[in-house]
């Protein structure tokens, strides 16, 4: 059976690095590269940490590209500074030099080229905003036909968003950050006919990062990936933290863990609900992850990182 071609586009948050680590363990996936979109990170440490993770995992053949797009509503600095912390973790800094190549072109140009030259349709695994994808589509509209589907961690359909009023005054709390950073680009992608599989807050709110999971990673810390994952989760355990991006990414390997339902949706691009993903009759049809077998999911990530 031929491997699934996957191009990852992440935005440098702690869970994006963990999603990268999970993707790299998947035997039936051939990663074409990783694009870092400068949203939930400072981009230099975000790119650096990504390349060091690939080195640690022995995957330095996977190229990394730095997107130069910009969003409308910046992530808070407090969120973004985690990229510096991860980039400085001792386990990622044992070597003098980084082997994984940083491609010379921008992430959006790299995305266009990767899709144009791929031998078969590609799955885009997106764990940040859709801005790089939208920009690539504007640059080369023909690549739409080379995208098999987009699996996206984003949105909140029937639950409150995570863009809180105290952080973003004037908003009504309905938006999710990956949409809110650039709702115009999300809406641009919604205008295409590319199949979209959404992992929204409705699902991720039920799959927290627990002390138990972090302690289990600690018990298998003789494996460098478990050690790194445990260190990353230790950084964020004081917060309410959920399996956002790894839950979306695990779908690539085990869609049978999930219940998926078709919904009709629109993206709100202006006003106090800017960045909301709204269920609306006659809206854009997408597939939405509704439920997951949590036990199998947690077992799977622990097993994959025991390498």
Protein backbone atom coordinates (compact mmCIF):
# COMPACT_ATOMS: atom_id res chain seq x y z
CA UNK A 1 0.00 0.00 0.00
CA UNK A 2 1.41 3.41 -0.92
CA UNK A 3 2.02 5.89 1.86
CA UNK A 4 -0.22 8.88 2.46
CA UNK A 5 1.54 12.06 1.29
CA UNK A 6 1.25 14.72 4.01
CA UNK A 7 2.43 18.32 4.15
CA UNK A 8 2.23 19.76 7.65
CA UNK A 9 1.57 23.42 8.42
CA UNK A 10 1.90 24.29 12.11
CA UNK A 11 2.19 27.57 14.01
CA UNK A 12 4.77 26.86 16.67
CA UNK A 13 2.73 26.34 19.84
CA UNK A 14 3.72 23.61 22.31
CA UNK A 15 1.04 21.27 20.96
CA UNK A 16 2.24 21.90 17.39
CA UNK A 17 5.65 20.44 18.25
CA UNK A 18 3.94 17.44 19.84
CA UNK A 19 1.79 16.98 16.72
CA UNK A 20 4.98 17.08 14.63
CA UNK A 21 6.50 14.40 16.86
CA UNK A 22 3.39 12.24 16.45
CA UNK A 23 3.29 12.65 12.68
CA UNK A 24 6.92 11.59 12.36
CA UNK A 25 6.17 8.25 14.07
CA UNK A 26 3.45 7.27 11.57
CA UNK A 27 4.61 4.38 9.39
CA UNK A 28 2.01 4.87 6.66
CA UNK A 29 2.73 8.60 6.19
CA UNK A 30 5.30 10.16 3.90
CA UNK A 31 5.87 13.75 5.11
CA UNK A 32 6.76 16.12 2.27
CA UNK A 33 7.85 18.86 4.66
CA UNK A 34 6.79 21.14 7.47
CA UNK A 35 5.76 24.77 7.07
CA UNK A 36 5.92 26.98 10.18
CA UNK A 37 3.29 29.74 10.08
CA UNK A 38 4.30 32.62 12.42
CA UNK A 39 1.13 32.75 14.54
CA UNK A 40 1.35 31.08 17.98
CA UNK A 41 5.12 31.53 18.18
CA UNK A 42 8.03 33.80 17.47
CA UNK A 43 9.02 32.40 14.13
CA UNK A 44 12.81 32.01 14.51
CA UNK A 45 12.66 29.81 17.63
CA UNK A 46 9.58 28.10 16.17
CA UNK A 47 11.51 27.09 13.06
CA UNK A 48 14.63 26.22 15.06
CA UNK A 49 12.74 23.99 17.53
CA UNK A 50 11.00 22.19 14.65
CA UNK A 51 14.31 21.44 12.92
CA UNK A 52 15.89 20.24 16.18
CA UNK A 53 12.92 17.91 16.82
CA UNK A 54 13.36 16.37 13.36
CA UNK A 55 17.07 15.90 14.08
CA UNK A 56 16.29 14.20 17.41
CA UNK A 57 13.88 11.84 15.67
CA UNK A 58 16.32 10.97 12.89
CA UNK A 59 14.08 12.64 10.31
CA UNK A 60 16.44 15.31 9.00
CA UNK A 61 15.43 14.42 5.42
CA UNK A 62 12.14 16.29 6.03
CA UNK A 63 12.58 19.95 4.97
CA UNK A 64 11.27 22.88 7.02
CA UNK A 65 10.05 26.16 5.54
CA UNK A 66 9.30 29.49 7.19
CA UNK A 67 6.05 31.10 6.07
CA UNK A 68 6.12 34.90 5.86
CA UNK A 69 2.36 35.47 6.03
CA UNK A 70 0.79 37.72 8.65
CA UNK A 71 -2.53 37.46 10.45
CA UNK A 72 -5.05 40.10 11.44
CA UNK A 73 -5.30 39.42 15.19
CA UNK A 74 -1.94 38.50 16.82
CA UNK A 75 -1.70 35.75 19.41
CA UNK A 76 -0.82 37.08 22.89
CA UNK A 77 2.92 37.37 23.58
CA UNK A 78 2.52 35.15 26.64
CA UNK A 79 1.39 32.29 24.37
CA UNK A 80 4.08 32.89 21.78
CA UNK A 81 7.05 32.96 24.13
CA UNK A 82 6.73 29.19 24.71
CA UNK A 83 8.53 28.79 21.37
CA UNK A 84 11.71 30.19 23.01
CA UNK A 85 11.38 27.76 25.93
CA UNK A 86 10.97 24.67 23.73
CA UNK A 87 13.86 25.76 21.49
CA UNK A 88 16.10 25.90 24.59
CA UNK A 89 15.16 22.54 26.14
CA UNK A 90 18.41 20.65 26.88
CA UNK A 91 17.32 17.52 25.00
CA UNK A 92 17.11 19.56 21.77
CA UNK A 93 20.50 21.18 22.23
CA UNK A 94 22.98 18.35 22.60
CA UNK A 95 24.32 18.86 19.07
CA UNK A 96 26.35 21.81 17.83
CA UNK A 97 24.60 22.09 14.49
CA UNK A 98 21.15 21.44 13.02
CA UNK A 99 21.05 18.90 10.18
CA UNK A 100 17.43 19.35 9.05
CA UNK A 101 17.42 21.80 6.14
CA UNK A 102 15.62 25.14 6.20
CA UNK A 103 14.51 25.71 2.62
CA UNK A 104 15.54 29.07 1.13
CA UNK A 105 12.07 29.93 -0.20
CA UNK A 106 9.11 31.11 1.89
CA UNK A 107 6.72 28.59 3.38
CA UNK A 108 3.94 29.62 1.02
CA UNK A 109 6.19 29.17 -2.05
CA UNK A 110 7.41 25.83 -0.67
CA UNK A 111 3.78 24.73 -0.22
CA UNK A 112 3.02 25.62 -3.85
CA UNK A 113 6.09 23.78 -5.13
CA UNK A 114 5.49 20.72 -2.95
CA UNK A 115 1.93 20.39 -4.23
CA UNK A 116 2.83 21.06 -7.86
CA UNK A 117 5.54 18.38 -7.88
CA UNK A 118 3.81 15.75 -5.71
CA UNK A 119 3.22 12.47 -7.59
CA UNK A 120 -0.30 12.13 -6.15
CA UNK A 121 -2.79 14.24 -4.14
CA UNK A 122 -1.54 15.49 -0.78
CA UNK A 123 -3.21 15.78 2.63
CA UNK A 124 -2.57 19.13 4.32
CA UNK A 125 -2.29 18.63 8.09
CA UNK A 126 -2.87 22.13 9.48
CA UNK A 127 -2.59 22.83 13.21
CA UNK A 128 -2.42 26.63 12.99
CA UNK A 129 -4.31 29.27 10.99
CA UNK A 130 -5.14 28.70 7.30
CA UNK A 131 -3.28 31.81 6.10
CA UNK A 132 -0.36 30.03 4.43
CA UNK A 133 -2.79 27.69 2.65
CA UNK A 134 -4.95 30.61 1.44
CA UNK A 135 -1.86 32.53 0.27
CA UNK A 136 -0.57 29.48 -1.64
CA UNK A 137 -3.99 29.07 -3.31
CA UNK A 138 -3.94 32.74 -4.36
CA UNK A 139 -0.42 32.34 -5.78
CA UNK A 140 -1.23 29.17 -7.75
CA UNK A 141 -4.97 28.38 -7.92
CA UNK A 142 -4.29 25.12 -9.80
CA UNK A 143 -2.87 23.50 -6.63
CA UNK A 144 -6.43 23.14 -5.33
CA UNK A 145 -6.67 20.01 -7.46
CA UNK A 146 -3.55 18.55 -5.82
CA UNK A 147 -4.97 18.73 -2.28
CA UNK A 148 -6.74 15.51 -1.28
CA UNK A 149 -8.10 17.02 1.92
CA UNK A 150 -7.29 19.46 4.70
CA UNK A 151 -7.35 18.12 8.27
CA UNK A 152 -7.57 21.22 10.45
CA UNK A 153 -7.53 21.82 14.17
CA UNK A 154 -9.71 24.90 14.38
CA UNK A 155 -13.08 26.34 15.18
CA UNK A 156 -15.75 26.02 17.84
CA UNK A 157 -19.18 25.06 16.54
CA UNK A 158 -21.56 24.50 19.46
CA UNK A 159 -19.32 25.50 22.37
CA UNK A 160 -17.75 28.86 23.36
CA UNK A 161 -14.50 29.81 21.65
CA UNK A 162 -11.15 30.29 23.38
CA UNK A 163 -10.63 33.94 22.36
CA UNK A 164 -11.71 35.32 25.71
CA UNK A 165 -13.08 38.83 26.22
CA UNK A 166 -10.43 39.64 28.83
CA UNK A 167 -7.65 39.00 26.26
CA UNK A 168 -9.49 40.48 23.26
CA UNK A 169 -11.90 43.20 24.45
CA UNK A 170 -14.77 43.82 22.07
CA UNK A 171 -15.11 40.18 21.02
CA UNK A 172 -18.03 38.01 22.14
CA UNK A 173 -16.00 34.92 23.05
CA UNK A 174 -17.29 32.74 20.19
CA UNK A 175 -14.05 32.54 18.16
CA UNK A 176 -11.28 29.94 18.28
CA UNK A 177 -7.72 31.26 17.97
CA UNK A 178 -6.65 29.49 14.76
CA UNK A 179 -9.65 31.02 12.97
CA UNK A 180 -9.47 34.38 14.75
CA UNK A 181 -5.82 35.02 13.78
CA UNK A 182 -7.00 35.38 10.19
CA UNK A 183 -10.70 34.72 9.52
CA UNK A 184 -10.39 36.18 5.99
CA UNK A 185 -8.00 33.39 5.00
CA UNK A 186 -10.16 30.74 6.68
CA UNK A 187 -13.09 32.03 4.65
CA UNK A 188 -10.94 31.94 1.48
CA UNK A 189 -10.31 28.22 2.03
CA UNK A 190 -14.04 27.71 2.75
CA UNK A 191 -14.74 29.00 -0.77
CA UNK A 192 -12.81 26.10 -2.34
CA UNK A 193 -14.09 22.60 -3.01
CA UNK A 194 -11.24 20.98 -1.03
CA UNK A 195 -12.61 18.38 1.45
CA UNK A 196 -12.15 19.69 5.01
CA UNK A 197 -12.06 17.52 8.14
CA UNK A 198 -12.33 19.73 11.22
CA UNK A 199 -11.16 18.98 14.77
CA UNK A 200 -12.98 21.72 16.76
CA UNK A 201 -13.00 22.75 20.41
CA UNK A 202 -16.28 20.82 20.73
CA UNK A 203 -14.13 17.66 20.65
CA UNK A 204 -10.81 18.82 22.11
CA UNK A 205 -12.53 20.22 25.24
CA UNK A 206 -13.19 16.59 26.21
CA UNK A 207 -9.60 15.41 25.79
CA UNK A 208 -7.42 17.21 28.35
CA UNK A 209 -3.72 16.81 29.01
CA UNK A 210 -3.86 15.17 32.44
CA UNK A 211 -1.23 14.72 35.14
CA UNK A 212 -1.70 10.98 34.64
CA UNK A 213 -0.66 11.17 30.97
CA UNK A 214 2.36 13.34 31.84
CA UNK A 215 3.40 10.89 34.58
CA UNK A 216 3.05 7.96 32.16
CA UNK A 217 5.38 9.78 29.77
CA UNK A 218 7.78 10.18 32.68
CA UNK A 219 7.77 6.43 33.24
CA UNK A 220 8.96 5.89 29.67
CA UNK A 221 11.42 8.78 29.59
CA UNK A 222 14.25 6.45 28.58
CA UNK A 223 12.77 7.04 25.11
CA UNK A 224 13.90 10.52 23.98
CA UNK A 225 10.54 11.32 22.36
CA UNK A 226 8.62 10.53 25.55
CA UNK A 227 11.17 12.57 27.51
CA UNK A 228 10.68 15.57 25.21
CA UNK A 229 6.88 15.23 25.16
CA UNK A 230 6.83 15.06 28.96
CA UNK A 231 9.00 18.18 29.23
CA UNK A 232 6.73 20.06 26.82
CA UNK A 233 3.60 19.08 28.74
CA UNK A 234 5.24 19.98 32.05
CA UNK A 235 5.55 23.54 30.72
CA UNK A 236 1.81 23.89 30.23
CA UNK A 237 0.33 21.65 32.95
CA UNK A 238 -0.56 24.64 35.23
CA UNK A 239 -3.01 25.82 32.52
CA UNK A 240 -6.16 24.15 31.25
CA UNK A 241 -4.45 22.39 28.37
CA UNK A 242 -6.01 20.05 25.85
CA UNK A 243 -4.89 17.63 23.13
CA UNK A 244 -5.73 20.10 20.38
CA UNK A 245 -3.22 19.45 17.63
CA UNK A 246 -2.25 15.86 18.43
CA UNK A 247 -5.93 14.89 18.48
CA UNK A 248 -6.33 16.33 14.97
CA UNK A 249 -3.09 14.70 13.78
CA UNK A 250 -3.88 11.23 15.16
CA UNK A 251 -6.86 11.17 12.78
CA UNK A 252 -4.42 10.60 9.88
CA UNK A 253 -3.34 7.25 11.30
CA UNK A 254 -6.53 6.12 13.03
CA UNK A 255 -9.72 7.65 11.63
CA UNK A 256 -11.56 4.68 13.13
CA UNK A 257 -11.01 6.18 16.61
CA UNK A 258 -13.36 9.04 15.66
CA UNK A 259 -17.03 9.65 14.97
CA UNK A 260 -17.33 12.16 12.14
CA UNK A 261 -20.44 14.04 11.01
CA UNK A 262 -21.14 16.35 8.10
CA UNK A 263 -22.03 19.94 9.02
CA UNK A 264 -22.88 23.06 7.01
CA UNK A 265 -20.81 26.00 8.25
CA UNK A 266 -19.71 29.55 7.58
CA UNK A 267 -16.81 31.66 8.85
CA UNK A 268 -17.66 35.04 10.43
CA UNK A 269 -15.07 37.54 9.18
CA UNK A 270 -16.09 40.83 10.85
CA UNK A 271 -17.65 42.27 13.99
CA UNK A 272 -17.80 40.99 17.55
CA UNK A 273 -18.02 37.35 16.38
CA UNK A 274 -15.03 37.66 14.02
CA UNK A 275 -13.35 34.25 13.81
CA UNK A 276 -16.44 32.27 14.72
CA UNK A 277 -17.13 29.02 12.87
CA UNK A 278 -20.90 28.99 12.63
CA UNK A 279 -23.23 26.09 11.91
CA UNK A 280 -25.55 27.47 9.26
CA UNK A 281 -27.97 25.68 6.91
CA UNK A 282 -26.79 25.86 3.28
CA UNK A 283 -23.29 26.76 4.49
CA UNK A 284 -20.07 25.09 3.34
CA UNK A 285 -20.20 21.32 3.88
CA UNK A 286 -17.34 20.01 6.00
CA UNK A 287 -16.73 16.85 8.02
CA UNK A 288 -16.43 17.41 11.76
CA UNK A 289 -14.83 15.13 14.35
CA UNK A 290 -17.58 14.65 16.95
CA UNK A 291 -16.31 11.99 19.35
CA UNK A 292 -13.11 10.04 19.93
CA UNK A 293 -12.33 6.84 21.79
CA UNK A 294 -10.20 8.57 24.43
CA UNK A 295 -8.68 5.42 25.87
CA UNK A 296 -7.45 4.23 22.47
CA UNK A 297 -6.21 7.74 21.65
CA UNK A 298 -4.17 8.12 24.86
CA UNK A 299 -2.80 4.57 24.49
CA UNK A 300 -1.82 5.33 20.90
CA UNK A 301 0.21 8.46 21.64
CA UNK A 302 2.00 6.79 24.56
CA UNK A 303 2.83 3.80 22.36
CA UNK A 304 4.05 5.97 19.46
CA UNK A 305 6.33 7.99 21.68
CA UNK A 306 7.86 4.89 23.29
CA UNK A 307 10.56 4.77 20.61
